[in-house]
């Protein structure tokens, strides 16, 4: 089984979605962004948060591909920003160890 970060590298998404998320990841604030996804209270650890975000993003991507009327581009980009931000934090914590 691939590790979480390896799985992220294999995701295929439209360039415009990735570019928008990359533009937003510089301003990533774990507390602010993850509260939108997980609610208030204790936030999950990086790996748990990233797995949950990846599941949510996969659902959003399915909606996008099917042309679902309930699809939210803003939510999709926000989820991708959170995924990228968590991945950066995980990579940084691995390098410190």
PDB file of N, CA and C in Angstrom:
ATOM      1  N   UNK A   1       0.839  -1.189   0.000  1.00  0.00           N
ATOM      2  CA  UNK A   1       0.000   0.000   0.000  1.00  0.00           C
ATOM      3  C   UNK A   1       0.879   1.246   0.000  1.00  0.00           C
ATOM      4  N   UNK A   2       0.534   2.193  -0.841  1.00  0.00           N
ATOM      5  CA  UNK A   2       1.287   3.438  -0.899  1.00  0.00           C
ATOM      6  C   UNK A   2       1.065   4.240   0.370  1.00  0.00           C
ATOM      7  N   UNK A   3       2.074   5.026   0.735  1.00  0.00           N
ATOM      8  CA  UNK A   3       1.862   5.922   1.868  1.00  0.00           C
ATOM      9  C   UNK A   3       0.992   7.095   1.417  1.00  0.00           C
ATOM     10  N   UNK A   4       0.552   7.860   2.369  1.00  0.00           N
ATOM     11  CA  UNK A   4      -0.389   8.954   2.098  1.00  0.00           C
ATOM     12  C   UNK A   4       0.210   9.972   1.136  1.00  0.00           C
ATOM     13  N   UNK A   5       1.436  10.386   1.392  1.00  0.00           N
ATOM     14  CA  UNK A   5       2.055  11.404   0.546  1.00  0.00           C
ATOM     15  C   UNK A   5       2.315  10.867  -0.857  1.00  0.00           C
ATOM     16  N   UNK A   6       2.637   9.594  -0.971  1.00  0.00           N
ATOM     17  CA  UNK A   6       2.825   8.984  -2.276  1.00  0.00           C
ATOM     18  C   UNK A   6       1.535   8.970  -3.071  1.00  0.00           C
ATOM     19  N   UNK A   7       0.436   8.715  -2.375  1.00  0.00           N
ATOM     20  CA  UNK A   7      -0.873   8.714  -3.038  1.00  0.00           C
ATOM     21  C   UNK A   7      -1.215  10.100  -3.568  1.00  0.00           C
ATOM     22  N   UNK A   8      -0.861  11.122  -2.820  1.00  0.00           N
ATOM     23  CA  UNK A   8      -1.129  12.495  -3.264  1.00  0.00           C
ATOM     24  C   UNK A   8      -0.412  12.804  -4.576  1.00  0.00           C
ATOM     25  N   UNK A   9       0.783  12.278  -4.720  1.00  0.00           N
ATOM     26  CA  UNK A   9       1.558  12.544  -5.926  1.00  0.00           C
ATOM     27  C   UNK A   9       0.961  11.896  -7.165  1.00  0.00           C
ATOM     28  N   UNK A  10       0.084  10.927  -6.993  1.00  0.00           N
ATOM     29  CA  UNK A  10      -0.503  10.232  -8.137  1.00  0.00           C
ATOM     30  C   UNK A  10      -1.864  10.796  -8.542  1.00  0.00           C
ATOM     31  N   UNK A  11      -2.390  11.753  -7.778  1.00  0.00           N
ATOM     32  CA  UNK A  11      -3.693  12.334  -8.109  1.00  0.00           C
ATOM     33  C   UNK A  11      -3.623  13.085  -9.430  1.00  0.00           C
ATOM     34  N   UNK A  12      -4.612  12.896 -10.256  1.00  0.00           N
ATOM     35  CA  UNK A  12      -4.720  13.612 -11.532  1.00  0.00           C
ATOM     36  C   UNK A  12      -5.944  14.516 -11.462  1.00  0.00           C
ATOM     37  N   UNK A  13      -5.690  15.810 -11.469  1.00  0.00           N
ATOM     38  CA  UNK A  13      -6.758  16.793 -11.424  1.00  0.00           C
ATOM     39  C   UNK A  13      -6.495  17.850 -12.479  1.00  0.00           C
ATOM     40  N   UNK A  14      -7.537  18.576 -12.898  1.00  0.00           N
ATOM     41  CA  UNK A  14      -7.337  19.638 -13.887  1.00  0.00           C
ATOM     42  C   UNK A  14      -6.319  20.673 -13.396  1.00  0.00           C
ATOM     43  N   UNK A  15      -5.514  21.157 -14.326  1.00  0.00           N
ATOM     44  CA  UNK A  15      -4.454  22.112 -13.977  1.00  0.00           C
ATOM     45  C   UNK A  15      -4.987  23.343 -13.264  1.00  0.00           C
ATOM     46  N   UNK A  16      -6.133  23.826 -13.713  1.00  0.00           N
ATOM     47  CA  UNK A  16      -6.681  25.038 -13.114  1.00  0.00           C
ATOM     48  C   UNK A  16      -7.013  24.831 -11.633  1.00  0.00           C
ATOM     49  N   UNK A  17      -7.552  23.674 -11.286  1.00  0.00           N
ATOM     50  CA  UNK A  17      -7.840  23.365  -9.875  1.00  0.00           C
ATOM     51  C   UNK A  17      -6.543  23.353  -9.061  1.00  0.00           C
ATOM     52  N   UNK A  18      -5.526  22.687  -9.575  1.00  0.00           N
ATOM     53  CA  UNK A  18      -4.251  22.587  -8.858  1.00  0.00           C
ATOM     54  C   UNK A  18      -3.592  23.961  -8.737  1.00  0.00           C
ATOM     55  N   UNK A  19      -3.629  24.741  -9.801  1.00  0.00           N
ATOM     56  CA  UNK A  19      -3.035  26.079  -9.753  1.00  0.00           C
ATOM     57  C   UNK A  19      -3.739  26.950  -8.725  1.00  0.00           C
ATOM     58  N   UNK A  20      -5.052  26.868  -8.665  1.00  0.00           N
ATOM     59  CA  UNK A  20      -5.805  27.657  -7.682  1.00  0.00           C
ATOM     60  C   UNK A  20      -5.448  27.228  -6.262  1.00  0.00           C
ATOM     61  N   UNK A  21      -5.337  25.932  -6.055  1.00  0.00           N
ATOM     62  CA  UNK A  21      -4.992  25.432  -4.711  1.00  0.00           C
ATOM     63  C   UNK A  21      -3.568  25.831  -4.334  1.00  0.00           C
ATOM     64  N   UNK A  22      -2.647  25.740  -5.273  1.00  0.00           N
ATOM     65  CA  UNK A  22      -1.260  26.134  -4.989  1.00  0.00           C
ATOM     66  C   UNK A  22      -1.167  27.609  -4.639  1.00  0.00           C
ATOM     67  N   UNK A  23      -1.973  28.416  -5.291  1.00  0.00           N
ATOM     68  CA  UNK A  23      -1.981  29.853  -4.990  1.00  0.00           C
ATOM     69  C   UNK A  23      -2.487  30.109  -3.569  1.00  0.00           C
ATOM     70  N   UNK A  24      -3.392  29.265  -3.099  1.00  0.00           N
ATOM     71  CA  UNK A  24      -3.969  29.456  -1.775  1.00  0.00           C
ATOM     72  C   UNK A  24      -3.200  28.805  -0.646  1.00  0.00           C
ATOM     73  N   UNK A  25      -2.337  27.855  -0.957  1.00  0.00           N
ATOM     74  CA  UNK A  25      -1.659  27.104   0.101  1.00  0.00           C
ATOM     75  C   UNK A  25      -0.651  27.968   0.867  1.00  0.00           C
ATOM     76  N   UNK A  26      -0.152  29.034   0.234  1.00  0.00           N
ATOM     77  CA  UNK A  26       0.788  29.920   0.941  1.00  0.00           C
ATOM     78  C   UNK A  26       0.146  30.553   2.172  1.00  0.00           C
ATOM     79  N   UNK A  27      -1.148  30.778   2.116  1.00  0.00           N
ATOM     80  CA  UNK A  27      -1.854  31.373   3.245  1.00  0.00           C
ATOM     81  C   UNK A  27      -2.534  30.340   4.136  1.00  0.00           C
ATOM     82  N   UNK A  28      -2.111  29.072   4.029  1.00  0.00           N
ATOM     83  CA  UNK A  28      -2.757  27.998   4.786  1.00  0.00           C
ATOM     84  C   UNK A  28      -2.559  28.179   6.278  1.00  0.00           C
ATOM     85  N   UNK A  29      -3.660  28.160   6.986  1.00  0.00           N
ATOM     86  CA  UNK A  29      -3.651  28.203   8.450  1.00  0.00           C
ATOM     87  C   UNK A  29      -4.379  26.955   8.927  1.00  0.00           C
ATOM     88  N   UNK A  30      -3.666  26.068   9.567  1.00  0.00           N
ATOM     89  CA  UNK A  30      -4.229  24.778   9.960  1.00  0.00           C
ATOM     90  C   UNK A  30      -5.509  24.956  10.776  1.00  0.00           C
ATOM     91  N   UNK A  31      -5.458  25.795  11.773  1.00  0.00           N
ATOM     92  CA  UNK A  31      -6.618  25.995  12.637  1.00  0.00           C
ATOM     93  C   UNK A  31      -7.815  26.514  11.849  1.00  0.00           C
ATOM     94  N   UNK A  32      -7.591  27.545  11.070  1.00  0.00           N
ATOM     95  CA  UNK A  32      -8.686  28.156  10.319  1.00  0.00           C
ATOM     96  C   UNK A  32      -9.249  27.217   9.253  1.00  0.00           C
ATOM     97  N   UNK A  33      -8.392  26.628   8.465  1.00  0.00           N
ATOM     98  CA  UNK A  33      -8.862  25.773   7.382  1.00  0.00           C
ATOM     99  C   UNK A  33      -9.513  24.486   7.894  1.00  0.00           C
ATOM    100  N   UNK A  34      -8.879  23.834   8.844  1.00  0.00           N
ATOM    101  CA  UNK A  34      -9.423  22.546   9.292  1.00  0.00           C
ATOM    102  C   UNK A  34     -10.714  22.694  10.083  1.00  0.00           C
ATOM    103  N   UNK A  35     -10.906  23.837  10.716  1.00  0.00           N
ATOM    104  CA  UNK A  35     -12.176  24.034  11.415  1.00  0.00           C
ATOM    105  C   UNK A  35     -13.337  24.065  10.436  1.00  0.00           C
ATOM    106  N   UNK A  36     -13.094  24.569   9.236  1.00  0.00           N
ATOM    107  CA  UNK A  36     -14.147  24.556   8.213  1.00  0.00           C
ATOM    108  C   UNK A  36     -14.490  23.123   7.801  1.00  0.00           C
ATOM    109  N   UNK A  37     -13.545  22.228   7.882  1.00  0.00           N
ATOM    110  CA  UNK A  37     -13.761  20.854   7.443  1.00  0.00           C
ATOM    111  C   UNK A  37     -14.166  19.918   8.584  1.00  0.00           C
ATOM    112  N   UNK A  38     -13.652  20.169   9.790  1.00  0.00           N
ATOM    113  CA  UNK A  38     -13.884  19.256  10.910  1.00  0.00           C
ATOM    114  C   UNK A  38     -14.671  19.870  12.057  1.00  0.00           C
ATOM    115  N   UNK A  39     -14.969  21.149  11.983  1.00  0.00           N
ATOM    116  CA  UNK A  39     -15.689  21.794  13.064  1.00  0.00           C
ATOM    117  C   UNK A  39     -14.734  22.257  14.158  1.00  0.00           C
ATOM    118  N   UNK A  40     -15.302  22.833  15.171  1.00  0.00           N
ATOM    119  CA  UNK A  40     -14.499  23.351  16.277  1.00  0.00           C
ATOM    120  C   UNK A  40     -14.171  22.229  17.237  1.00  0.00           C
ATOM    121  N   UNK A  41     -13.182  22.459  18.047  1.00  0.00           N
ATOM    122  CA  UNK A  41     -12.734  21.446  18.989  1.00  0.00           C
ATOM    123  C   UNK A  41     -11.340  20.992  18.619  1.00  0.00           C
ATOM    124  N   UNK A  42     -10.949  19.877  19.183  1.00  0.00           N
ATOM    125  CA  UNK A  42      -9.607  19.353  18.937  1.00  0.00           C
ATOM    126  C   UNK A  42      -9.483  18.898  17.487  1.00  0.00           C
ATOM    127  N   UNK A  43      -8.438  19.369  16.834  1.00  0.00           N
ATOM    128  CA  UNK A  43      -8.213  19.008  15.438  1.00  0.00           C
ATOM    129  C   UNK A  43      -7.483  17.664  15.351  1.00  0.00           C
ATOM    130  N   UNK A  44      -7.763  16.893  14.298  1.00  0.00           N
ATOM    131  CA  UNK A  44      -7.081  15.601  14.151  1.00  0.00           C
ATOM    132  C   UNK A  44      -5.612  15.798  13.796  1.00  0.00           C
ATOM    133  N   UNK A  45      -4.831  14.755  14.011  1.00  0.00           N
ATOM    134  CA  UNK A  45      -3.414  14.783  13.648  1.00  0.00           C
ATOM    135  C   UNK A  45      -3.290  14.874  12.131  1.00  0.00           C
ATOM    136  N   UNK A  46      -2.103  15.223  11.665  1.00  0.00           N
ATOM    137  CA  UNK A  46      -1.879  15.443  10.234  1.00  0.00           C
ATOM    138  C   UNK A  46      -2.342  14.281   9.370  1.00  0.00           C
ATOM    139  N   UNK A  47      -1.915  13.069   9.682  1.00  0.00           N
ATOM    140  CA  UNK A  47      -2.237  11.914   8.835  1.00  0.00           C
ATOM    141  C   UNK A  47      -3.739  11.652   8.808  1.00  0.00           C
ATOM    142  N   UNK A  48      -4.384  11.752   9.955  1.00  0.00           N
ATOM    143  CA  UNK A  48      -5.829  11.525  10.036  1.00  0.00           C
ATOM    144  C   UNK A  48      -6.575  12.605   9.261  1.00  0.00           C
ATOM    145  N   UNK A  49      -6.154  13.844   9.446  1.00  0.00           N
ATOM    146  CA  UNK A  49      -6.785  14.950   8.730  1.00  0.00           C
ATOM    147  C   UNK A  49      -6.602  14.787   7.229  1.00  0.00           C
ATOM    148  N   UNK A  50      -5.401  14.424   6.816  1.00  0.00           N
ATOM    149  CA  UNK A  50      -5.128  14.283   5.389  1.00  0.00           C
ATOM    150  C   UNK A  50      -5.945  13.155   4.771  1.00  0.00           C
ATOM    151  N   UNK A  51      -6.066  12.038   5.457  1.00  0.00           N
ATOM    152  CA  UNK A  51      -6.871  10.923   4.933  1.00  0.00           C
ATOM    153  C   UNK A  51      -8.331  11.343   4.775  1.00  0.00           C
ATOM    154  N   UNK A  52      -8.862  12.027   5.765  1.00  0.00           N
ATOM    155  CA  UNK A  52     -10.246  12.488   5.707  1.00  0.00           C
ATOM    156  C   UNK A  52     -10.442  13.502   4.590  1.00  0.00           C
ATOM    157  N   UNK A  53      -9.501  14.412   4.444  1.00  0.00           N
ATOM    158  CA  UNK A  53      -9.575  15.403   3.376  1.00  0.00           C
ATOM    159  C   UNK A  53      -9.498  14.738   2.009  1.00  0.00           C
ATOM    160  N   UNK A  54      -8.682  13.710   1.892  1.00  0.00           N
ATOM    161  CA  UNK A  54      -8.558  12.994   0.622  1.00  0.00           C
ATOM    162  C   UNK A  54      -9.870  12.296   0.255  1.00  0.00           C
ATOM    163  N   UNK A  55     -10.554  11.756   1.249  1.00  0.00           N
ATOM    164  CA  UNK A  55     -11.853  11.128   0.998  1.00  0.00           C
ATOM    165  C   UNK A  55     -12.874  12.173   0.542  1.00  0.00           C
ATOM    166  N   UNK A  56     -12.877  13.307   1.223  1.00  0.00           N
ATOM    167  CA  UNK A  56     -13.803  14.387   0.861  1.00  0.00           C
ATOM    168  C   UNK A  56     -13.498  14.893  -0.546  1.00  0.00           C
ATOM    169  N   UNK A  57     -12.225  15.054  -0.869  1.00  0.00           N
ATOM    170  CA  UNK A  57     -11.833  15.549  -2.181  1.00  0.00           C
ATOM    171  C   UNK A  57     -12.227  14.557  -3.274  1.00  0.00           C
ATOM    172  N   UNK A  58     -12.103  13.271  -3.003  1.00  0.00           N
ATOM    173  CA  UNK A  58     -12.492  12.256  -3.988  1.00  0.00           C
ATOM    174  C   UNK A  58     -13.992  12.352  -4.286  1.00  0.00           C
ATOM    175  N   UNK A  59     -14.789  12.599  -3.258  1.00  0.00           N
ATOM    176  CA  UNK A  59     -16.228  12.769  -3.459  1.00  0.00           C
ATOM    177  C   UNK A  59     -16.518  14.024  -4.283  1.00  0.00           C
ATOM    178  N   UNK A  60     -15.815  15.111  -3.971  1.00  0.00           N
ATOM    179  CA  UNK A  60     -15.990  16.350  -4.729  1.00  0.00           C
ATOM    180  C   UNK A  60     -15.571  16.149  -6.185  1.00  0.00           C
ATOM    181  N   UNK A  61     -14.493  15.419  -6.385  1.00  0.00           N
ATOM    182  CA  UNK A  61     -14.042  15.172  -7.754  1.00  0.00           C
ATOM    183  C   UNK A  61     -15.051  14.324  -8.529  1.00  0.00           C
ATOM    184  N   UNK A  62     -15.647  13.353  -7.866  1.00  0.00           N
ATOM    185  CA  UNK A  62     -16.696  12.551  -8.516  1.00  0.00           C
ATOM    186  C   UNK A  62     -17.875  13.444  -8.919  1.00  0.00           C
ATOM    187  N   UNK A  63     -18.264  14.354  -8.019  1.00  0.00           N
ATOM    188  CA  UNK A  63     -19.347  15.284  -8.336  1.00  0.00           C
ATOM    189  C   UNK A  63     -18.979  16.151  -9.539  1.00  0.00           C
ATOM    190  N   UNK A  64     -17.737  16.620  -9.556  1.00  0.00           N
ATOM    191  CA  UNK A  64     -17.282  17.464 -10.659  1.00  0.00           C
ATOM    192  C   UNK A  64     -17.348  16.714 -11.980  1.00  0.00           C
ATOM    193  N   UNK A  65     -16.854  15.494 -11.984  1.00  0.00           N
ATOM    194  CA  UNK A  65     -16.802  14.708 -13.220  1.00  0.00           C
ATOM    195  C   UNK A  65     -18.192  14.330 -13.724  1.00  0.00           C
ATOM    196  N   UNK A  66     -19.140  14.153 -12.798  1.00  0.00           N
ATOM    197  CA  UNK A  66     -20.500  13.780 -13.183  1.00  0.00           C
ATOM    198  C   UNK A  66     -21.351  14.988 -13.556  1.00  0.00           C
ATOM    199  N   UNK A  67     -20.833  16.184 -13.298  1.00  0.00           N
ATOM    200  CA  UNK A  67     -21.609  17.396 -13.574  1.00  0.00           C
ATOM    201  C   UNK A  67     -22.740  17.591 -12.581  1.00  0.00           C
ATOM    202  N   UNK A  68     -22.561  17.092 -11.375  1.00  0.00           N
ATOM    203  CA  UNK A  68     -23.563  17.192 -10.312  1.00  0.00           C
ATOM    204  C   UNK A  68     -23.887  18.657 -10.017  1.00  0.00           C
ATOM    205  N   UNK A  69     -25.156  18.977  -9.937  1.00  0.00           N
ATOM    206  CA  UNK A  69     -25.587  20.346  -9.660  1.00  0.00           C
ATOM    207  C   UNK A  69     -25.153  20.813  -8.272  1.00  0.00           C
ATOM    208  N   UNK A  70     -24.905  19.896  -7.356  1.00  0.00           N
ATOM    209  CA  UNK A  70     -24.495  20.254  -6.006  1.00  0.00           C
ATOM    210  C   UNK A  70     -22.998  20.468  -5.849  1.00  0.00           C
ATOM    211  N   UNK A  71     -22.253  20.306  -6.927  1.00  0.00           N
ATOM    212  CA  UNK A  71     -20.798  20.463  -6.874  1.00  0.00           C
ATOM    213  C   UNK A  71     -20.428  21.909  -6.566  1.00  0.00           C
ATOM    214  N   UNK A  72     -19.465  22.081  -5.657  1.00  0.00           N
ATOM    215  CA  UNK A  72     -18.993  23.409  -5.293  1.00  0.00           C
ATOM    216  C   UNK A  72     -17.509  23.525  -5.615  1.00  0.00           C
ATOM    217  N   UNK A  73     -17.188  24.352  -6.599  1.00  0.00           N
ATOM    218  CA  UNK A  73     -15.795  24.588  -6.977  1.00  0.00           C
ATOM    219  C   UNK A  73     -15.025  25.189  -5.809  1.00  0.00           C
ATOM    220  N   UNK A  74     -15.654  26.109  -5.098  1.00  0.00           N
ATOM    221  CA  UNK A  74     -15.000  26.759  -3.956  1.00  0.00           C
ATOM    222  C   UNK A  74     -14.639  25.731  -2.890  1.00  0.00           C
ATOM    223  N   UNK A  75     -15.561  24.838  -2.585  1.00  0.00           N
ATOM    224  CA  UNK A  75     -15.299  23.791  -1.600  1.00  0.00           C
ATOM    225  C   UNK A  75     -14.186  22.863  -2.076  1.00  0.00           C
ATOM    226  N   UNK A  76     -14.169  22.559  -3.364  1.00  0.00           N
ATOM    227  CA  UNK A  76     -13.145  21.678  -3.913  1.00  0.00           C
ATOM    228  C   UNK A  76     -11.764  22.316  -3.777  1.00  0.00           C
ATOM    229  N   UNK A  77     -11.648  23.584  -4.153  1.00  0.00           N
ATOM    230  CA  UNK A  77     -10.363  24.277  -4.039  1.00  0.00           C
ATOM    231  C   UNK A  77      -9.954  24.393  -2.576  1.00  0.00           C
ATOM    232  N   UNK A  78     -10.886  24.705  -1.691  1.00  0.00           N
ATOM    233  CA  UNK A  78     -10.580  24.814  -0.266  1.00  0.00           C
ATOM    234  C   UNK A  78     -10.085  23.478   0.294  1.00  0.00           C
ATOM    235  N   UNK A  79     -10.685  22.395  -0.153  1.00  0.00           N
ATOM    236  CA  UNK A  79     -10.257  21.067   0.291  1.00  0.00           C
ATOM    237  C   UNK A  79      -8.861  20.751  -0.235  1.00  0.00           C
ATOM    238  N   UNK A  80      -8.598  21.086  -1.487  1.00  0.00           N
ATOM    239  CA  UNK A  80      -7.262  20.869  -2.047  1.00  0.00           C
ATOM    240  C   UNK A  80      -6.209  21.710  -1.323  1.00  0.00           C
ATOM    241  N   UNK A  81      -6.557  22.936  -0.963  1.00  0.00           N
ATOM    242  CA  UNK A  81      -5.631  23.782  -0.198  1.00  0.00           C
ATOM    243  C   UNK A  81      -5.296  23.117   1.129  1.00  0.00           C
ATOM    244  N   UNK A  82      -6.327  22.638   1.813  1.00  0.00           N
ATOM    245  CA  UNK A  82      -6.111  21.977   3.105  1.00  0.00           C
ATOM    246  C   UNK A  82      -5.263  20.714   2.930  1.00  0.00           C
ATOM    247  N   UNK A  83      -5.523  19.946   1.873  1.00  0.00           N
ATOM    248  CA  UNK A  83      -4.720  18.744   1.605  1.00  0.00           C
ATOM    249  C   UNK A  83      -3.252  19.100   1.390  1.00  0.00           C
ATOM    250  N   UNK A  84      -3.011  20.103   0.558  1.00  0.00           N
ATOM    251  CA  UNK A  84      -1.636  20.515   0.280  1.00  0.00           C
ATOM    252  C   UNK A  84      -0.949  21.066   1.528  1.00  0.00           C
ATOM    253  N   UNK A  85      -1.694  21.838   2.308  1.00  0.00           N
ATOM    254  CA  UNK A  85      -1.138  22.381   3.542  1.00  0.00           C
ATOM    255  C   UNK A  85      -0.775  21.298   4.532  1.00  0.00           C
ATOM    256  N   UNK A  86      -1.651  20.321   4.692  1.00  0.00           N
ATOM    257  CA  UNK A  86      -1.362  19.205   5.606  1.00  0.00           C
ATOM    258  C   UNK A  86      -0.186  18.373   5.105  1.00  0.00           C
ATOM    259  N   UNK A  87      -0.108  18.189   3.799  1.00  0.00           N
ATOM    260  CA  UNK A  87       1.007  17.432   3.226  1.00  0.00           C
ATOM    261  C   UNK A  87       2.329  18.156   3.489  1.00  0.00           C
ATOM    262  N   UNK A  88       2.335  19.480   3.349  1.00  0.00           N
ATOM    263  CA  UNK A  88       3.545  20.248   3.644  1.00  0.00           C
ATOM    264  C   UNK A  88       3.948  20.100   5.099  1.00  0.00           C
ATOM    265  N   UNK A  89       2.964  20.162   5.986  1.00  0.00           N
ATOM    266  CA  UNK A  89       3.262  20.009   7.419  1.00  0.00           C
ATOM    267  C   UNK A  89       3.800  18.610   7.721  1.00  0.00           C
ATOM    268  N   UNK A  90       3.244  17.598   7.069  1.00  0.00           N
ATOM    269  CA  UNK A  90       3.732  16.227   7.283  1.00  0.00           C
ATOM    270  C   UNK A  90       5.163  16.076   6.784  1.00  0.00           C
ATOM    271  N   UNK A  91       5.448  16.623   5.611  1.00  0.00           N
ATOM    272  CA  UNK A  91       6.795  16.539   5.071  1.00  0.00           C
ATOM    273  C   UNK A  91       7.793  17.252   5.988  1.00  0.00           C
ATOM    274  N   UNK A  92       7.396  18.410   6.488  1.00  0.00           N
ATOM    275  CA  UNK A  92       8.269  19.178   7.380  1.00  0.00           C
ATOM    276  C   UNK A  92       8.523  18.432   8.688  1.00  0.00           C
ATOM    277  N   UNK A  93       7.496  17.770   9.223  1.00  0.00           N
ATOM    278  CA  UNK A  93       7.679  17.045  10.475  1.00  0.00           C
ATOM    279  C   UNK A  93       8.543  15.798  10.272  1.00  0.00           C
ATOM    280  N   UNK A  94       8.477  15.184   9.097  1.00  0.00           N
ATOM    281  CA  UNK A  94       9.335  14.029   8.799  1.00  0.00           C
ATOM    282  C   UNK A  94      10.794  14.436   8.691  1.00  0.00           C
ATOM    283  N   UNK A  95      11.038  15.625   8.169  1.00  0.00           N
ATOM    284  CA  UNK A  95      12.416  16.100   8.023  1.00  0.00           C
ATOM    285  C   UNK A  95      13.033  16.472   9.361  1.00  0.00           C
ATOM    286  N   UNK A  96      12.206  16.886  10.314  1.00  0.00           N
ATOM    287  CA  UNK A  96      12.724  17.264  11.643  1.00  0.00           C
ATOM    288  C   UNK A  96      13.112  16.051  12.455  1.00  0.00           C
ATOM    289  N   UNK A  97      12.492  14.917  12.192  1.00  0.00           N
ATOM    290  CA  UNK A  97      12.739  13.716  12.999  1.00  0.00           C
ATOM    291  C   UNK A  97      14.035  13.090  12.648  1.00  0.00           C
TER     292      UNK A  97
END
